[in-house]
């Protein structure tokens, strides 16, 4: 059978997906964005507690995710709150949640 396969994704979609997968390619970064997607805005220490990771490590990953635009932050006094900044991230996470991994 000689079928021609044509990609249905535009170059922009492929570029976006590639950058998202690269950023979410570490288990802790993926866990952090999933937590923020499900729970909404949170402080670093709360995320560190939920992930059972050192606050310094979580802060490092939060800053990386923020610098690339996936997350945003706001300050309230001494506290910094993080939340999801990229709406397409929610769609991607829902796709992953729905994938059977059996």
Protein backbone atom coordinates (compact mmCIF):
# COMPACT_ATOMS: atom_id res chain seq x y z
CA UNK A 1 0.00 0.00 0.00
CA UNK A 2 1.47 3.34 -1.02
CA UNK A 3 -0.25 6.08 0.98
CA UNK A 4 0.93 9.62 1.36
CA UNK A 5 0.84 10.85 4.94
CA UNK A 6 0.39 14.57 5.33
CA UNK A 7 0.85 16.32 8.65
CA UNK A 8 -2.24 18.10 9.89
CA UNK A 9 -0.27 20.37 12.21
CA UNK A 10 1.02 23.73 11.08
CA UNK A 11 4.65 24.67 11.63
CA UNK A 12 3.54 26.97 14.46
CA UNK A 13 1.74 24.11 16.22
CA UNK A 14 4.72 21.82 15.84
CA UNK A 15 7.06 24.50 17.20
CA UNK A 16 4.73 25.16 20.14
CA UNK A 17 4.36 21.45 20.95
CA UNK A 18 8.11 20.88 20.73
CA UNK A 19 8.86 23.69 23.16
CA UNK A 20 6.13 22.51 25.56
CA UNK A 21 7.37 18.91 25.56
CA UNK A 22 10.93 20.08 26.11
CA UNK A 23 9.92 22.21 29.10
CA UNK A 24 7.71 19.50 30.56
CA UNK A 25 10.29 16.77 29.92
CA UNK A 26 11.30 16.58 33.58
CA UNK A 27 8.95 14.75 35.98
CA UNK A 28 9.05 17.50 38.62
CA UNK A 29 8.33 20.29 36.13
CA UNK A 30 5.38 18.31 34.77
CA UNK A 31 4.13 17.64 38.31
CA UNK A 32 4.41 21.35 39.20
CA UNK A 33 2.38 22.53 36.21
CA UNK A 34 -0.22 19.84 36.78
CA UNK A 35 -0.63 20.89 40.41
CA UNK A 36 -1.00 24.53 39.39
CA UNK A 37 -3.44 23.59 36.63
CA UNK A 38 -5.63 21.68 39.09
CA UNK A 39 -5.34 23.91 42.16
CA UNK A 40 -4.77 27.36 40.70
CA UNK A 41 -2.49 29.96 42.23
CA UNK A 42 -0.07 28.69 44.88
CA UNK A 43 3.00 29.73 46.87
CA UNK A 44 6.38 28.05 46.43
CA UNK A 45 6.42 26.45 49.88
CA UNK A 46 2.99 24.86 49.30
CA UNK A 47 4.13 23.39 45.98
CA UNK A 48 7.34 22.12 47.61
CA UNK A 49 5.30 20.43 50.33
CA UNK A 50 2.95 18.76 47.83
CA UNK A 51 5.81 17.50 45.66
CA UNK A 52 7.97 16.56 48.67
CA UNK A 53 10.90 18.40 47.09
CA UNK A 54 13.23 21.04 48.53
CA UNK A 55 11.89 24.57 48.18
CA UNK A 56 15.09 25.64 46.41
CA UNK A 57 14.58 23.01 43.69
CA UNK A 58 10.92 23.93 43.23
CA UNK A 59 11.84 27.64 43.04
CA UNK A 60 14.41 26.91 40.36
CA UNK A 61 11.88 25.06 38.20
CA UNK A 62 9.15 27.65 38.82
CA UNK A 63 11.47 30.38 37.59
CA UNK A 64 12.39 28.36 34.51
CA UNK A 65 8.72 27.76 33.69
CA UNK A 66 7.92 31.42 34.34
CA UNK A 67 10.79 32.71 32.19
CA UNK A 68 9.52 30.74 29.21
CA UNK A 69 5.96 32.00 29.68
CA UNK A 70 4.17 28.87 30.90
CA UNK A 71 3.68 30.29 34.39
CA UNK A 72 3.15 33.76 35.81
CA UNK A 73 3.75 35.12 39.28
CA UNK A 74 2.53 37.90 41.49
CA UNK A 75 3.94 39.25 44.71
CA UNK A 76 1.92 39.94 47.83
CA UNK A 77 4.24 41.28 50.51
CA UNK A 78 6.97 38.70 51.03
CA UNK A 79 5.08 35.94 49.24
CA UNK A 80 5.20 35.02 45.56
CA UNK A 81 2.22 33.24 44.06
CA UNK A 82 2.52 31.19 40.86
CA UNK A 83 -0.18 30.19 38.39
CA UNK A 84 -0.54 28.87 34.85
CA UNK A 85 -0.07 31.57 32.21
CA UNK A 86 -0.50 29.50 29.03
CA UNK A 87 -4.12 28.39 28.36
CA UNK A 88 -2.98 25.68 25.92
CA UNK A 89 -1.15 24.01 28.79
CA UNK A 90 -4.51 23.01 30.32
CA UNK A 91 -5.53 21.36 27.04
CA UNK A 92 -2.24 19.45 26.82
CA UNK A 93 -2.49 18.27 30.44
CA UNK A 94 -6.06 17.08 29.86
CA UNK A 95 -4.84 15.06 26.87
CA UNK A 96 -2.13 13.47 29.02
CA UNK A 97 -4.58 12.72 31.83
CA UNK A 98 -6.86 10.97 29.34
CA UNK A 99 -4.13 8.80 27.79
CA UNK A 100 -4.26 5.13 28.75
CA UNK A 101 -0.83 4.04 29.95
CA UNK A 102 -1.62 0.37 30.53
